[in-house]
Amino acid sequence: MITHWNGAKWPPRKWQAAALPKIISHLKMGKNTIVSAIMGAGKSVLIAELVWVALHKIRDSTCIIVTAPRQNLVSLLAKTIADRVGEENVGKYYTYSKDTETKVIVCCNASAMALATTLTKKVVMLVGDEIHSTESESFKMAFELLKPACAVGFTATPYRSNEKESLSIWDDVAFRYEASDALREGVIVPWKLVHWDGG
């Protein structure tokens, strides 16, 4: 049996430990689910743990795709995930790298279509970071081609007024961690208004 967070570099925050079983439960129900958590709460650490759990259940002919909207996030997520699951298991697919043979592939949203037309493995799980950036026609087409068995998206802002940033791929919210929760638990510090004097 897999014990969540066993051997993890970073012990889970209270919200991360509470969110993980809820995410897994929603994925088992076949939902493309969302985790809504404020910036700075530690979404990437939770993503790494979710990938670690999923890696214990996949075969050699399958893979996990993690997407991010920008190249710098691809590199940061790949490092955070590799710290948890081992560098040998994590590859990147974007302008500067085209890894498709690893068990985990971290891909830039802009490269998702190219990956979808190149990849020969079955995608058992797709994890999207900053999913308000997944509404482009190109990404939605890539999602259809990749046909992930399950999908989970992370964002600080699941409800957007801009139609181009809506979340049509995603079904529901499995877990919500808002600013009031993070302030209460000391995960973020209270903001302070400081007037700029022009200096």
N, C-alpha and C. Protein backbone atom coordinates (compact mmCIF):
# COMPACT_ATOMS: atom_id res chain seq x y z
N MET A 1 0.84 -1.19 0.00
CA MET A 1 0.00 0.00 0.00
C MET A 1 0.89 1.25 0.00
N ILE A 2 0.50 2.26 -0.77
CA ILE A 2 1.25 3.50 -0.86
C ILE A 2 0.86 4.41 0.30
N THR A 3 1.87 4.90 1.01
CA THR A 3 1.64 5.87 2.07
C THR A 3 1.98 7.25 1.52
N HIS A 4 0.98 8.08 1.40
CA HIS A 4 1.20 9.42 0.86
C HIS A 4 2.21 10.18 1.69
N TRP A 5 3.07 10.93 1.01
CA TRP A 5 4.08 11.81 1.59
C TRP A 5 5.24 11.06 2.24
N ASN A 6 5.24 9.72 2.16
CA ASN A 6 6.33 8.94 2.75
C ASN A 6 7.64 9.26 2.03
N GLY A 7 8.63 9.77 2.74
CA GLY A 7 9.93 10.08 2.15
C GLY A 7 9.95 11.39 1.36
N ALA A 8 8.89 12.17 1.42
CA ALA A 8 8.85 13.43 0.67
C ALA A 8 9.86 14.42 1.23
N LYS A 9 10.46 15.20 0.33
CA LYS A 9 11.45 16.21 0.72
C LYS A 9 10.82 17.29 1.60
N TRP A 10 9.57 17.65 1.26
CA TRP A 10 8.85 18.65 2.04
C TRP A 10 7.64 17.99 2.69
N PRO A 11 7.53 18.07 4.02
CA PRO A 11 6.32 17.51 4.66
C PRO A 11 5.11 18.32 4.20
N PRO A 12 3.96 17.68 4.10
CA PRO A 12 2.80 18.40 3.57
C PRO A 12 2.27 19.44 4.53
N ARG A 13 1.81 20.53 3.95
CA ARG A 13 1.03 21.47 4.74
C ARG A 13 -0.33 20.83 4.97
N LYS A 14 -1.04 21.35 5.95
CA LYS A 14 -2.34 20.78 6.32
C LYS A 14 -3.27 20.68 5.11
N TRP A 15 -3.32 21.74 4.31
CA TRP A 15 -4.23 21.75 3.17
C TRP A 15 -3.82 20.74 2.10
N GLN A 16 -2.50 20.57 1.89
CA GLN A 16 -2.02 19.63 0.88
C GLN A 16 -2.39 18.19 1.28
N ALA A 17 -2.20 17.88 2.56
CA ALA A 17 -2.55 16.54 3.05
C ALA A 17 -4.05 16.28 2.93
N ALA A 18 -4.85 17.31 3.17
CA ALA A 18 -6.31 17.17 3.06
C ALA A 18 -6.77 17.08 1.61
N ALA A 19 -6.07 17.79 0.72
CA ALA A 19 -6.49 17.84 -0.68
C ALA A 19 -6.22 16.54 -1.43
N LEU A 20 -5.09 15.89 -1.16
CA LEU A 20 -4.66 14.74 -1.96
C LEU A 20 -5.71 13.63 -2.03
N PRO A 21 -6.27 13.14 -0.91
CA PRO A 21 -7.29 12.09 -1.04
C PRO A 21 -8.55 12.54 -1.76
N LYS A 22 -8.90 13.82 -1.63
CA LYS A 22 -10.09 14.32 -2.34
C LYS A 22 -9.85 14.35 -3.85
N ILE A 23 -8.64 14.75 -4.25
CA ILE A 23 -8.30 14.74 -5.67
C ILE A 23 -8.40 13.32 -6.22
N ILE A 24 -7.78 12.39 -5.51
CA ILE A 24 -7.77 10.98 -5.96
C ILE A 24 -9.19 10.44 -6.06
N SER A 25 -10.04 10.79 -5.09
CA SER A 25 -11.43 10.35 -5.10
C SER A 25 -12.17 10.89 -6.33
N HIS A 26 -11.98 12.17 -6.66
CA HIS A 26 -12.63 12.75 -7.83
C HIS A 26 -12.11 12.12 -9.13
N LEU A 27 -10.81 11.85 -9.18
CA LEU A 27 -10.25 11.22 -10.37
C LEU A 27 -10.81 9.81 -10.56
N LYS A 28 -11.00 9.09 -9.47
CA LYS A 28 -11.58 7.74 -9.55
C LYS A 28 -13.01 7.77 -10.03
N MET A 29 -13.70 8.89 -9.82
CA MET A 29 -15.08 9.05 -10.30
C MET A 29 -15.11 9.43 -11.78
N GLY A 30 -13.92 9.60 -12.38
CA GLY A 30 -13.85 9.93 -13.80
C GLY A 30 -14.00 11.40 -14.11
N LYS A 31 -13.83 12.24 -13.13
CA LYS A 31 -13.97 13.68 -13.33
C LYS A 31 -12.63 14.31 -13.71
N ASN A 32 -12.69 15.32 -14.58
CA ASN A 32 -11.54 16.18 -14.83
C ASN A 32 -11.65 17.30 -13.80
N THR A 33 -10.97 17.13 -12.69
CA THR A 33 -11.25 17.95 -11.52
C THR A 33 -10.24 19.07 -11.33
N ILE A 34 -10.62 20.02 -10.51
CA ILE A 34 -9.81 21.22 -10.26
C ILE A 34 -9.44 21.32 -8.79
N VAL A 35 -8.21 21.80 -8.55
CA VAL A 35 -7.80 22.23 -7.22
C VAL A 35 -7.60 23.74 -7.30
N SER A 36 -8.35 24.46 -6.50
CA SER A 36 -8.24 25.92 -6.45
C SER A 36 -7.46 26.28 -5.20
N ALA A 37 -6.29 26.87 -5.38
CA ALA A 37 -5.46 27.24 -4.23
C ALA A 37 -4.74 28.55 -4.52
N ILE A 38 -4.67 29.38 -3.52
CA ILE A 38 -4.07 30.70 -3.65
C ILE A 38 -2.59 30.61 -4.03
N MET A 39 -2.09 31.64 -4.70
CA MET A 39 -0.68 31.70 -5.07
C MET A 39 0.19 31.61 -3.82
N GLY A 40 1.26 30.83 -3.93
CA GLY A 40 2.19 30.68 -2.81
C GLY A 40 1.82 29.60 -1.82
N ALA A 41 0.71 28.90 -2.07
CA ALA A 41 0.24 27.88 -1.12
C ALA A 41 1.02 26.57 -1.22
N GLY A 42 1.68 26.35 -2.36
CA GLY A 42 2.44 25.11 -2.53
C GLY A 42 1.80 24.13 -3.48
N LYS A 43 1.19 24.64 -4.55
CA LYS A 43 0.54 23.76 -5.53
C LYS A 43 1.54 22.82 -6.19
N SER A 44 2.74 23.29 -6.48
CA SER A 44 3.73 22.45 -7.18
C SER A 44 4.16 21.26 -6.33
N VAL A 45 4.24 21.44 -5.03
CA VAL A 45 4.60 20.32 -4.13
C VAL A 45 3.47 19.28 -4.14
N LEU A 46 2.23 19.75 -4.14
CA LEU A 46 1.08 18.83 -4.22
C LEU A 46 1.05 18.11 -5.56
N ILE A 47 1.36 18.83 -6.64
CA ILE A 47 1.44 18.20 -7.96
C ILE A 47 2.48 17.09 -7.95
N ALA A 48 3.65 17.37 -7.36
CA ALA A 48 4.72 16.36 -7.30
C ALA A 48 4.27 15.13 -6.52
N GLU A 49 3.54 15.33 -5.45
CA GLU A 49 3.07 14.19 -4.65
C GLU A 49 2.02 13.38 -5.42
N LEU A 50 1.13 14.07 -6.12
CA LEU A 50 0.12 13.39 -6.94
C LEU A 50 0.80 12.55 -8.01
N VAL A 51 1.82 13.10 -8.64
CA VAL A 51 2.58 12.36 -9.66
C VAL A 51 3.28 11.15 -9.02
N TRP A 52 3.84 11.33 -7.84
CA TRP A 52 4.51 10.23 -7.13
C TRP A 52 3.53 9.08 -6.87
N VAL A 53 2.32 9.42 -6.43
CA VAL A 53 1.30 8.40 -6.18
C VAL A 53 0.95 7.68 -7.48
N ALA A 54 0.72 8.46 -8.54
CA ALA A 54 0.32 7.87 -9.82
C ALA A 54 1.42 6.99 -10.42
N LEU A 55 2.68 7.37 -10.21
CA LEU A 55 3.79 6.58 -10.77
C LEU A 55 3.83 5.16 -10.23
N HIS A 56 3.30 4.96 -9.05
CA HIS A 56 3.27 3.61 -8.46
C HIS A 56 2.23 2.71 -9.12
N LYS A 57 1.44 3.28 -10.03
CA LYS A 57 0.36 2.50 -10.65
C LYS A 57 0.47 2.39 -12.16
N ILE A 58 1.50 2.98 -12.76
CA ILE A 58 1.55 2.97 -14.23
C ILE A 58 2.49 1.90 -14.77
N ARG A 59 2.28 1.56 -16.05
CA ARG A 59 3.12 0.58 -16.74
C ARG A 59 4.13 1.30 -17.63
N ASP A 60 5.06 0.54 -18.17
CA ASP A 60 6.10 1.12 -19.02
C ASP A 60 5.54 1.78 -20.29
N SER A 61 4.43 1.29 -20.78
CA SER A 61 3.87 1.83 -22.03
C SER A 61 2.98 3.05 -21.80
N THR A 62 2.96 3.54 -20.57
CA THR A 62 2.11 4.68 -20.24
C THR A 62 2.94 5.82 -19.66
N CYS A 63 2.32 7.00 -19.56
CA CYS A 63 3.04 8.14 -18.98
C CYS A 63 2.06 9.11 -18.34
N ILE A 64 2.64 10.05 -17.62
CA ILE A 64 1.91 11.15 -17.00
C ILE A 64 2.38 12.43 -17.67
N ILE A 65 1.44 13.28 -18.07
CA ILE A 65 1.77 14.57 -18.67
C ILE A 65 1.43 15.66 -17.66
N VAL A 66 2.37 16.58 -17.46
CA VAL A 66 2.13 17.77 -16.64
C VAL A 66 2.30 18.98 -17.55
N THR A 67 1.31 19.86 -17.59
CA THR A 67 1.39 21.02 -18.48
C THR A 67 1.49 22.31 -17.68
N ALA A 68 2.14 23.29 -18.31
CA ALA A 68 2.27 24.62 -17.71
C ALA A 68 2.28 25.65 -18.83
N PRO A 69 1.81 26.87 -18.57
CA PRO A 69 1.67 27.84 -19.65
C PRO A 69 2.96 28.51 -20.11
N ARG A 70 4.00 28.48 -19.28
CA ARG A 70 5.23 29.19 -19.64
C ARG A 70 6.45 28.29 -19.47
N GLN A 71 7.50 28.59 -20.25
CA GLN A 71 8.72 27.77 -20.23
C GLN A 71 9.39 27.75 -18.86
N ASN A 72 9.41 28.90 -18.16
CA ASN A 72 10.05 28.90 -16.84
C ASN A 72 9.31 27.99 -15.87
N LEU A 73 7.98 27.90 -16.01
CA LEU A 73 7.21 27.00 -15.15
C LEU A 73 7.46 25.54 -15.50
N VAL A 74 7.71 25.24 -16.77
CA VAL A 74 8.08 23.88 -17.16
C VAL A 74 9.33 23.45 -16.40
N SER A 75 10.34 24.30 -16.40
CA SER A 75 11.60 23.98 -15.72
C SER A 75 11.41 23.85 -14.21
N LEU A 76 10.66 24.78 -13.61
CA LEU A 76 10.44 24.73 -12.16
C LEU A 76 9.64 23.50 -11.75
N LEU A 77 8.58 23.21 -12.50
CA LEU A 77 7.77 22.02 -12.17
C LEU A 77 8.57 20.73 -12.37
N ALA A 78 9.34 20.66 -13.46
CA ALA A 78 10.14 19.47 -13.71
C ALA A 78 11.11 19.22 -12.56
N LYS A 79 11.72 20.28 -12.04
CA LYS A 79 12.66 20.13 -10.92
C LYS A 79 11.95 19.68 -9.65
N THR A 80 10.81 20.32 -9.34
CA THR A 80 10.07 19.95 -8.13
C THR A 80 9.59 18.50 -8.20
N ILE A 81 9.09 18.09 -9.36
CA ILE A 81 8.63 16.70 -9.53
C ILE A 81 9.82 15.73 -9.47
N ALA A 82 10.93 16.09 -10.12
CA ALA A 82 12.12 15.23 -10.10
C ALA A 82 12.67 15.06 -8.70
N ASP A 83 12.58 16.09 -7.87
CA ASP A 83 13.02 15.98 -6.47
C ASP A 83 12.22 14.92 -5.73
N ARG A 84 10.98 14.71 -6.16
CA ARG A 84 10.12 13.72 -5.49
C ARG A 84 10.21 12.33 -6.13
N VAL A 85 10.27 12.26 -7.46
CA VAL A 85 10.16 10.95 -8.13
C VAL A 85 11.47 10.48 -8.77
N GLY A 86 12.50 11.32 -8.75
CA GLY A 86 13.78 10.96 -9.36
C GLY A 86 13.94 11.57 -10.74
N GLU A 87 15.12 12.14 -10.99
CA GLU A 87 15.38 12.82 -12.27
C GLU A 87 15.20 11.90 -13.47
N GLU A 88 15.53 10.62 -13.30
CA GLU A 88 15.45 9.68 -14.43
C GLU A 88 14.02 9.47 -14.92
N ASN A 89 13.04 9.83 -14.10
CA ASN A 89 11.63 9.64 -14.46
C ASN A 89 10.98 10.85 -15.11
N VAL A 90 11.69 11.99 -15.14
CA VAL A 90 11.06 13.24 -15.57
C VAL A 90 11.77 13.82 -16.80
N GLY A 91 10.98 14.11 -17.82
CA GLY A 91 11.50 14.78 -19.02
C GLY A 91 10.71 16.04 -19.29
N LYS A 92 11.21 16.85 -20.20
CA LYS A 92 10.54 18.11 -20.56
C LYS A 92 10.26 18.11 -22.06
N TYR A 93 9.13 18.68 -22.41
CA TYR A 93 8.78 18.82 -23.82
C TYR A 93 8.37 20.27 -24.05
N TYR A 94 9.30 21.02 -24.63
CA TYR A 94 9.06 22.42 -24.97
C TYR A 94 10.15 22.85 -25.94
N THR A 95 10.34 24.13 -26.16
CA THR A 95 11.27 24.63 -27.17
C THR A 95 12.65 23.99 -27.07
N TYR A 96 13.17 23.86 -25.86
CA TYR A 96 14.56 23.44 -25.67
C TYR A 96 14.76 21.96 -25.39
N SER A 97 13.70 21.19 -25.37
CA SER A 97 13.82 19.76 -25.06
C SER A 97 12.61 19.03 -25.60
N LYS A 98 12.82 17.82 -26.08
CA LYS A 98 11.71 17.04 -26.65
C LYS A 98 11.72 15.61 -26.08
N ASP A 99 11.73 15.48 -24.76
CA ASP A 99 11.72 14.16 -24.13
C ASP A 99 10.33 13.53 -24.24
N THR A 100 10.28 12.31 -24.73
CA THR A 100 9.00 11.59 -24.79
C THR A 100 9.11 10.18 -24.21
N GLU A 101 10.29 9.79 -23.77
CA GLU A 101 10.49 8.43 -23.31
C GLU A 101 10.41 8.28 -21.79
N THR A 102 10.33 9.39 -21.06
CA THR A 102 10.27 9.30 -19.60
C THR A 102 8.85 8.99 -19.14
N LYS A 103 8.72 8.58 -17.88
CA LYS A 103 7.41 8.26 -17.33
C LYS A 103 6.57 9.51 -17.07
N VAL A 104 7.27 10.62 -16.80
CA VAL A 104 6.61 11.90 -16.57
C VAL A 104 7.16 12.90 -17.58
N ILE A 105 6.27 13.58 -18.28
CA ILE A 105 6.68 14.59 -19.26
C ILE A 105 6.04 15.92 -18.87
N VAL A 106 6.88 16.92 -18.59
CA VAL A 106 6.39 18.25 -18.27
C VAL A 106 6.44 19.06 -19.56
N CYS A 107 5.30 19.55 -19.97
CA CYS A 107 5.15 20.15 -21.30
C CYS A 107 4.60 21.57 -21.21
N CYS A 108 5.11 22.44 -22.05
CA CYS A 108 4.58 23.80 -22.18
C CYS A 108 3.26 23.72 -22.95
N ASN A 109 2.27 24.50 -22.53
CA ASN A 109 0.97 24.48 -23.22
C ASN A 109 1.11 24.68 -24.72
N ALA A 110 2.02 25.58 -25.11
CA ALA A 110 2.21 25.88 -26.53
C ALA A 110 2.75 24.68 -27.31
N SER A 111 3.38 23.74 -26.61
CA SER A 111 3.93 22.55 -27.26
C SER A 111 3.05 21.31 -27.11
N ALA A 112 1.90 21.47 -26.47
CA ALA A 112 1.04 20.31 -26.19
C ALA A 112 0.57 19.61 -27.47
N MET A 113 0.25 20.39 -28.49
CA MET A 113 -0.22 19.79 -29.75
C MET A 113 0.90 18.99 -30.41
N ALA A 114 2.11 19.53 -30.43
CA ALA A 114 3.24 18.79 -31.00
C ALA A 114 3.49 17.51 -30.22
N LEU A 115 3.39 17.57 -28.91
CA LEU A 115 3.57 16.37 -28.09
C LEU A 115 2.47 15.35 -28.39
N ALA A 116 1.25 15.83 -28.50
CA ALA A 116 0.11 14.94 -28.75
C ALA A 116 0.26 14.19 -30.07
N THR A 117 0.86 14.82 -31.08
CA THR A 117 1.01 14.16 -32.38
C THR A 117 2.27 13.31 -32.45
N THR A 118 3.14 13.41 -31.45
CA THR A 118 4.41 12.67 -31.42
C THR A 118 4.36 11.48 -30.47
N LEU A 119 3.65 11.63 -29.38
CA LEU A 119 3.68 10.66 -28.29
C LEU A 119 3.07 9.33 -28.70
N THR A 120 3.76 8.24 -28.36
CA THR A 120 3.24 6.91 -28.65
C THR A 120 2.70 6.21 -27.41
N LYS A 121 2.99 6.74 -26.24
CA LYS A 121 2.51 6.14 -24.99
C LYS A 121 1.08 6.58 -24.68
N LYS A 122 0.40 5.75 -23.90
CA LYS A 122 -0.92 6.11 -23.41
C LYS A 122 -0.76 7.04 -22.21
N VAL A 123 -1.58 8.09 -22.15
CA VAL A 123 -1.51 9.05 -21.05
C VAL A 123 -2.50 8.63 -19.96
N VAL A 124 -1.96 8.23 -18.82
CA VAL A 124 -2.83 7.79 -17.73
C VAL A 124 -3.35 8.96 -16.90
N MET A 125 -2.58 10.05 -16.88
CA MET A 125 -3.03 11.22 -16.13
C MET A 125 -2.41 12.48 -16.74
N LEU A 126 -3.23 13.52 -16.87
CA LEU A 126 -2.74 14.83 -17.26
C LEU A 126 -2.97 15.77 -16.09
N VAL A 127 -1.91 16.47 -15.70
CA VAL A 127 -1.99 17.46 -14.62
C VAL A 127 -1.70 18.82 -15.24
N GLY A 128 -2.63 19.75 -15.13
CA GLY A 128 -2.43 21.07 -15.69
C GLY A 128 -2.19 22.10 -14.59
N ASP A 129 -1.12 22.88 -14.73
CA ASP A 129 -0.87 23.97 -13.80
C ASP A 129 -1.35 25.27 -14.45
N GLU A 130 -1.88 26.17 -13.64
CA GLU A 130 -2.44 27.43 -14.14
C GLU A 130 -3.42 27.19 -15.29
N ILE A 131 -4.43 26.39 -15.00
CA ILE A 131 -5.33 25.89 -16.06
C ILE A 131 -6.22 26.94 -16.69
N HIS A 132 -6.24 28.16 -16.14
CA HIS A 132 -6.98 29.22 -16.83
C HIS A 132 -6.32 29.53 -18.18
N SER A 133 -5.13 28.92 -18.42
CA SER A 133 -4.45 29.08 -19.71
C SER A 133 -4.68 27.89 -20.65
N THR A 134 -5.66 27.06 -20.35
CA THR A 134 -5.90 25.85 -21.18
C THR A 134 -7.08 26.00 -22.11
N GLU A 135 -7.60 27.19 -22.28
CA GLU A 135 -8.82 27.35 -23.05
C GLU A 135 -8.57 27.58 -24.54
N SER A 136 -7.32 27.62 -24.97
CA SER A 136 -7.05 27.83 -26.40
C SER A 136 -7.53 26.62 -27.20
N GLU A 137 -7.89 26.86 -28.46
CA GLU A 137 -8.33 25.76 -29.32
C GLU A 137 -7.22 24.73 -29.50
N SER A 138 -6.00 25.19 -29.60
CA SER A 138 -4.85 24.29 -29.76
C SER A 138 -4.71 23.36 -28.57
N PHE A 139 -4.82 23.91 -27.36
CA PHE A 139 -4.68 23.06 -26.17
C PHE A 139 -5.84 22.08 -26.07
N LYS A 140 -7.04 22.54 -26.35
CA LYS A 140 -8.21 21.65 -26.27
C LYS A 140 -8.11 20.51 -27.28
N MET A 141 -7.59 20.81 -28.46
CA MET A 141 -7.38 19.75 -29.46
C MET A 141 -6.30 18.76 -28.99
N ALA A 142 -5.23 19.29 -28.40
CA ALA A 142 -4.16 18.43 -27.87
C ALA A 142 -4.71 17.53 -26.77
N PHE A 143 -5.56 18.07 -25.91
CA PHE A 143 -6.17 17.30 -24.83
C PHE A 143 -6.98 16.15 -25.40
N GLU A 144 -7.74 16.42 -26.44
CA GLU A 144 -8.54 15.36 -27.08
C GLU A 144 -7.67 14.28 -27.69
N LEU A 145 -6.56 14.68 -28.31
CA LEU A 145 -5.65 13.71 -28.91
C LEU A 145 -4.91 12.89 -27.86
N LEU A 146 -4.52 13.53 -26.77
CA LEU A 146 -3.79 12.82 -25.70
C LEU A 146 -4.69 11.83 -24.98
N LYS A 147 -5.98 12.12 -24.91
CA LYS A 147 -6.98 11.24 -24.28
C LYS A 147 -6.53 10.74 -22.91
N PRO A 148 -6.24 11.64 -21.97
CA PRO A 148 -5.81 11.15 -20.66
C PRO A 148 -6.92 10.37 -19.97
N ALA A 149 -6.53 9.30 -19.28
CA ALA A 149 -7.52 8.51 -18.55
C ALA A 149 -8.15 9.34 -17.43
N CYS A 150 -7.39 10.28 -16.87
CA CYS A 150 -7.93 11.20 -15.88
C CYS A 150 -7.13 12.50 -15.95
N ALA A 151 -7.71 13.57 -15.41
CA ALA A 151 -7.03 14.87 -15.47
C ALA A 151 -7.37 15.70 -14.24
N VAL A 152 -6.37 16.44 -13.77
CA VAL A 152 -6.58 17.37 -12.65
C VAL A 152 -5.88 18.68 -12.98
N GLY A 153 -6.57 19.78 -12.71
CA GLY A 153 -6.02 21.09 -13.00
C GLY A 153 -5.87 21.92 -11.74
N PHE A 154 -4.81 22.72 -11.71
CA PHE A 154 -4.52 23.58 -10.56
C PHE A 154 -4.59 25.04 -10.98
N THR A 155 -5.20 25.86 -10.17
CA THR A 155 -5.28 27.29 -10.44
C THR A 155 -5.62 28.05 -9.17
N ALA A 156 -5.18 29.29 -9.12
CA ALA A 156 -5.59 30.17 -8.02
C ALA A 156 -6.92 30.84 -8.35
N THR A 157 -7.28 30.84 -9.63
CA THR A 157 -8.45 31.60 -10.08
C THR A 157 -9.32 30.75 -11.02
N PRO A 158 -10.14 29.86 -10.47
CA PRO A 158 -10.94 28.99 -11.35
C PRO A 158 -12.09 29.69 -12.05
N TYR A 159 -12.58 30.78 -11.50
CA TYR A 159 -13.73 31.46 -12.11
C TYR A 159 -13.26 32.78 -12.71
N ARG A 160 -13.36 32.89 -14.03
CA ARG A 160 -12.84 34.04 -14.74
C ARG A 160 -13.95 34.73 -15.51
N SER A 161 -13.86 36.04 -15.61
CA SER A 161 -14.86 36.78 -16.39
C SER A 161 -14.52 36.76 -17.88
N ASN A 162 -13.26 36.52 -18.21
CA ASN A 162 -12.82 36.48 -19.59
C ASN A 162 -13.14 35.10 -20.18
N GLU A 163 -13.98 35.06 -21.21
CA GLU A 163 -14.39 33.79 -21.82
C GLU A 163 -13.19 32.99 -22.34
N LYS A 164 -12.13 33.69 -22.78
CA LYS A 164 -10.94 33.00 -23.29
C LYS A 164 -10.15 32.32 -22.18
N GLU A 165 -10.52 32.56 -20.92
CA GLU A 165 -9.85 31.92 -19.78
C GLU A 165 -10.82 31.05 -18.99
N SER A 166 -11.92 30.63 -19.61
CA SER A 166 -12.86 29.75 -18.93
C SER A 166 -12.26 28.35 -18.85
N LEU A 167 -12.96 27.43 -18.25
CA LEU A 167 -12.40 26.12 -17.97
C LEU A 167 -13.29 25.01 -18.53
N SER A 168 -13.49 25.00 -19.83
CA SER A 168 -14.44 24.06 -20.45
C SER A 168 -13.97 22.61 -20.39
N ILE A 169 -12.68 22.37 -20.25
CA ILE A 169 -12.16 21.00 -20.17
C ILE A 169 -12.50 20.37 -18.81
N TRP A 170 -12.67 21.21 -17.80
CA TRP A 170 -12.71 20.75 -16.42
C TRP A 170 -14.13 20.67 -15.89
N ASP A 171 -14.39 19.67 -15.03
CA ASP A 171 -15.75 19.37 -14.58
C ASP A 171 -16.15 20.05 -13.27
N ASP A 172 -15.31 19.96 -12.26
CA ASP A 172 -15.71 20.43 -10.94
C ASP A 172 -14.49 20.77 -10.10
N VAL A 173 -14.73 21.32 -8.93
CA VAL A 173 -13.65 21.66 -8.00
C VAL A 173 -13.62 20.61 -6.89
N ALA A 174 -12.50 19.91 -6.78
CA ALA A 174 -12.36 18.87 -5.75
C ALA A 174 -11.95 19.47 -4.41
N PHE A 175 -11.17 20.56 -4.48
CA PHE A 175 -10.66 21.15 -3.24
C PHE A 175 -10.42 22.63 -3.45
N ARG A 176 -10.73 23.41 -2.42
CA ARG A 176 -10.55 24.86 -2.48
C ARG A 176 -9.74 25.30 -1.26
N TYR A 177 -8.67 26.08 -1.51
CA TYR A 177 -7.85 26.63 -0.44
C TYR A 177 -7.69 28.12 -0.72
N GLU A 178 -8.43 28.92 0.05
CA GLU A 178 -8.53 30.34 -0.25
C GLU A 178 -7.59 31.17 0.61
N ALA A 179 -7.53 32.47 0.30
CA ALA A 179 -6.63 33.37 1.02
C ALA A 179 -6.91 33.36 2.52
N SER A 180 -8.17 33.32 2.90
CA SER A 180 -8.51 33.32 4.34
C SER A 180 -7.96 32.08 5.03
N ASP A 181 -7.98 30.93 4.34
CA ASP A 181 -7.41 29.69 4.91
C ASP A 181 -5.90 29.83 5.07
N ALA A 182 -5.25 30.33 4.03
CA ALA A 182 -3.79 30.46 4.04
C ALA A 182 -3.34 31.47 5.08
N LEU A 183 -4.07 32.56 5.26
CA LEU A 183 -3.74 33.55 6.29
C LEU A 183 -3.89 32.95 7.68
N ARG A 184 -4.99 32.25 7.90
CA ARG A 184 -5.26 31.63 9.20
C ARG A 184 -4.17 30.63 9.58
N GLU A 185 -3.65 29.88 8.59
CA GLU A 185 -2.66 28.85 8.86
C GLU A 185 -1.22 29.36 8.75
N GLY A 186 -1.04 30.64 8.45
CA GLY A 186 0.30 31.20 8.37
C GLY A 186 1.07 30.82 7.12
N VAL A 187 0.38 30.34 6.09
CA VAL A 187 1.03 29.97 4.83
C VAL A 187 1.40 31.22 4.04
N ILE A 188 0.56 32.25 4.13
CA ILE A 188 0.90 33.55 3.57
C ILE A 188 0.80 34.58 4.69
N VAL A 189 1.45 35.70 4.51
CA VAL A 189 1.40 36.76 5.53
C VAL A 189 0.36 37.79 5.12
N PRO A 190 -0.22 38.49 6.11
CA PRO A 190 -1.20 39.51 5.75
C PRO A 190 -0.58 40.59 4.88
N TRP A 191 -1.35 41.06 3.91
CA TRP A 191 -0.84 42.11 3.05
C TRP A 191 -0.93 43.45 3.76
N LYS A 192 -0.11 44.36 3.31
CA LYS A 192 -0.08 45.70 3.90
C LYS A 192 -0.05 46.71 2.76
N LEU A 193 -0.91 47.70 2.86
CA LEU A 193 -0.96 48.74 1.84
C LEU A 193 0.11 49.78 2.15
N VAL A 194 1.00 50.00 1.19
CA VAL A 194 2.06 50.99 1.37
C VAL A 194 1.95 51.98 0.22
N HIS A 195 1.79 53.23 0.53
CA HIS A 195 1.68 54.26 -0.50
C HIS A 195 3.08 54.60 -1.02
N TRP A 196 3.18 54.64 -2.32
CA TRP A 196 4.46 54.98 -2.94
C TRP A 196 4.62 56.49 -2.96
N ASP A 197 5.76 56.95 -2.51
CA ASP A 197 5.97 58.41 -2.44
C ASP A 197 6.64 58.95 -3.69
N GLY A 198 6.84 58.09 -4.69
CA GLY A 198 7.45 58.52 -5.94
C GLY A 198 8.95 58.46 -5.93
N GLY A 199 9.55 58.09 -4.80
CA GLY A 199 11.02 58.05 -4.68
C GLY A 199 11.62 56.75 -5.09
